[in-house]
Amino acid sequence: MSHKVKGHCRCGQVEIEVTATPMITMACHCTGCQKMTSSAFSLSSLFPSTAFAIISGDPVIGGLHGSTRHYFCGHCMSWLFTRPEGMNDFVNVRATMLEDSRAYKPFVETYIDEKLEWAFTGAVHSFSKFPPADKFPELLQEYAQKIEPEFIE
């Protein structure tokens, strides 16, 4: 389904746009995400790279500087999106950067073994680390059937 949503960093210097509904929405409880967000977890939505564009501004790399790249606004330092290692066809957008971020409720939560005991996301599925690779297609299909229709107006 075609779907267009804009987003931006806190100061507005970097604007982004997605032109599809998310493939899946997630919350990550790992201590790295806790530190980068200064919060209990990070929220993200996975999109095909072809459905993601930087409309204005020049994001900078922050956080991890290896194969997985985290992109931030160079001015306000908002964490905007991640290009996960080995997943060049996808971009993981920080859901709170998108318009109406309330629509991006996490479907999956990861790294619950590092979760702060009081943090609650309401995610349908929870994993101690990441979902096993063989389970990911099933999760994408379940998300598309149960959640994606909520994005259709």
Protein backbone atom coordinates (compact mmCIF):
# COMPACT_ATOMS: atom_id res chain seq x y z
CA MET A 1 0.00 0.00 0.00
CA SER A 2 1.22 3.49 -0.81
CA HIS A 3 1.32 5.75 2.20
CA LYS A 4 3.17 9.06 2.63
CA VAL A 5 4.31 10.33 6.02
CA LYS A 6 6.80 13.08 6.76
CA GLY A 7 8.95 13.45 9.81
CA HIS A 8 11.77 15.55 11.16
CA CYS A 9 14.29 15.90 13.93
CA ARG A 10 13.59 18.05 16.98
CA CYS A 11 14.97 21.26 15.45
CA GLY A 12 13.54 20.60 11.97
CA GLN A 13 16.83 20.85 10.06
CA VAL A 14 16.57 17.25 8.84
CA GLU A 15 13.31 16.21 7.24
CA ILE A 16 12.49 12.67 6.20
CA GLU A 17 9.63 10.97 4.39
CA VAL A 18 8.35 7.41 4.14
CA THR A 19 6.05 6.33 1.32
CA ALA A 20 4.85 2.98 2.65
CA THR A 21 3.32 1.56 5.77
CA PRO A 22 5.89 0.01 8.11
CA MET A 23 6.81 -3.61 7.60
CA ILE A 24 6.91 -4.00 11.39
CA THR A 25 7.20 -1.79 14.46
CA MET A 26 9.56 -2.46 17.34
CA ALA A 27 10.86 -1.40 20.73
CA CYS A 28 14.43 -2.25 21.70
CA HIS A 29 15.37 -2.49 25.37
CA CYS A 30 19.13 -3.01 24.88
CA THR A 31 21.38 -0.85 27.01
CA GLY A 32 22.82 0.76 23.85
CA CYS A 33 19.36 2.04 22.85
CA GLN A 34 18.71 3.11 26.43
CA LYS A 35 21.85 5.23 26.35
CA MET A 36 21.24 6.70 22.87
CA THR A 37 17.65 7.67 23.70
CA SER A 38 18.27 8.60 27.35
CA SER A 39 15.17 6.51 27.98
CA ALA A 40 14.05 2.97 28.72
CA PHE A 41 13.93 1.82 25.08
CA SER A 42 14.02 2.98 21.47
CA LEU A 43 11.04 2.85 19.13
CA SER A 44 11.45 2.08 15.46
CA SER A 45 9.56 1.14 12.33
CA LEU A 46 11.12 -0.89 9.52
CA PHE A 47 10.63 0.34 5.94
CA PRO A 48 12.03 -0.72 2.58
CA SER A 49 14.90 1.61 1.63
CA THR A 50 13.03 2.50 -1.55
CA ALA A 51 10.21 3.96 0.57
CA PHE A 52 12.51 6.23 2.61
CA ALA A 53 13.94 9.62 1.65
CA ILE A 54 15.83 12.44 3.30
CA ILE A 55 13.93 15.56 2.16
CA SER A 56 16.27 18.16 3.63
CA GLY A 57 19.37 18.36 5.79
CA ASP A 58 22.40 16.13 6.11
CA PRO A 59 22.25 13.46 8.82
CA VAL A 60 25.52 12.51 10.52
CA ILE A 61 26.62 9.13 11.82
CA GLY A 62 26.55 8.74 15.59
CA GLY A 63 26.20 5.92 18.07
CA LEU A 64 27.67 2.88 16.35
CA HIS A 65 30.21 3.60 13.63
CA GLY A 66 30.60 0.02 12.35
CA SER A 67 28.52 -1.97 9.88
CA THR A 68 25.28 -0.83 11.52
CA ARG A 69 24.98 2.93 11.14
CA HIS A 70 22.88 5.23 13.32
CA TYR A 71 22.02 8.61 11.76
CA PHE A 72 21.40 11.80 13.72
CA CYS A 73 20.71 15.47 13.04
CA GLY A 74 24.08 17.20 13.29
CA HIS A 75 22.51 20.22 15.00
CA CYS A 76 20.03 18.92 17.61
CA MET A 77 21.47 15.37 17.68
CA SER A 78 18.06 13.67 17.38
CA TRP A 79 18.47 9.99 16.47
CA LEU A 80 16.57 9.70 13.18
CA PHE A 81 17.15 6.29 11.62
CA THR A 82 19.41 3.25 11.43
CA ARG A 83 20.76 1.26 8.53
CA PRO A 84 21.10 -2.22 10.07
CA GLU A 85 24.11 -4.37 9.24
CA GLY A 86 23.39 -6.82 6.42
CA MET A 87 20.01 -5.23 5.66
CA ASN A 88 20.85 -2.67 2.95
CA ASP A 89 17.37 -2.91 1.48
CA PHE A 90 15.80 -1.62 4.73
CA VAL A 91 15.89 1.40 7.00
CA ASN A 92 14.82 1.42 10.63
CA VAL A 93 13.20 4.83 11.29
CA ARG A 94 12.80 6.13 14.85
CA ALA A 95 9.01 6.13 15.04
CA THR A 96 8.86 9.26 17.21
CA MET A 97 10.35 11.30 14.36
CA LEU A 98 7.31 10.61 12.15
CA GLU A 99 4.06 12.56 12.13
CA ASP A 100 1.42 10.99 14.37
CA SER A 101 3.96 8.75 16.07
CA ARG A 102 1.14 7.31 18.22
CA ALA A 103 0.22 5.14 15.24
CA TYR A 104 3.52 3.24 15.50
CA LYS A 105 2.81 1.15 18.59
CA PRO A 106 5.50 -1.54 18.97
CA PHE A 107 4.47 -4.97 17.72
CA VAL A 108 7.75 -6.64 18.74
CA GLU A 109 10.07 -5.83 21.62
CA THR A 110 13.67 -7.00 21.66
CA TYR A 111 16.42 -7.38 24.25
CA ILE A 112 13.97 -7.85 27.11
CA ASP A 113 16.81 -9.47 29.06
CA GLU A 114 18.26 -5.93 29.38
CA LYS A 115 14.89 -4.24 29.95
CA LEU A 116 14.29 -1.97 32.90
CA GLU A 117 11.79 -3.86 35.03
CA TRP A 118 9.26 -1.02 35.09
CA ALA A 119 9.34 -0.38 31.31
CA PHE A 120 6.21 -1.57 29.48
CA THR A 121 5.53 -1.30 25.74
CA GLY A 122 2.43 -3.40 25.15
CA ALA A 123 4.19 -5.25 22.31
CA VAL A 124 2.52 -8.42 21.06
CA HIS A 125 5.80 -10.38 20.89
CA SER A 126 8.86 -10.25 23.18
CA PHE A 127 12.34 -11.67 22.60
CA SER A 128 15.35 -11.93 24.90
CA LYS A 129 17.57 -10.68 22.02
CA PHE A 130 16.37 -10.42 18.39
CA PRO A 131 13.72 -12.71 16.90
CA PRO A 132 15.25 -15.85 15.36
CA ALA A 133 15.83 -15.33 11.61
CA ASP A 134 13.41 -18.14 10.74
CA LYS A 135 10.62 -16.45 12.75
CA PHE A 136 11.00 -13.01 11.13
CA PRO A 137 8.94 -13.75 7.95
CA GLU A 138 6.09 -15.03 10.15
CA LEU A 139 6.23 -11.86 12.30
CA LEU A 140 6.16 -9.63 9.20
CA GLN A 141 3.15 -11.50 7.85
CA GLU A 142 1.30 -11.34 11.18
CA TYR A 143 2.00 -7.62 11.48
CA ALA A 144 0.77 -6.97 7.94
CA GLN A 145 -2.47 -8.86 8.59
CA LYS A 146 -3.29 -7.48 12.05
CA ILE A 147 -1.73 -4.04 12.29
CA GLU A 148 -1.07 -2.57 8.85
CA PRO A 149 -4.80 -2.04 8.04
CA GLU A 150 -4.85 0.57 10.86
CA PHE A 151 -2.64 2.80 8.67
CA ILE A 152 -5.06 2.71 5.75
CA GLU A 153 -7.41 5.66 5.84
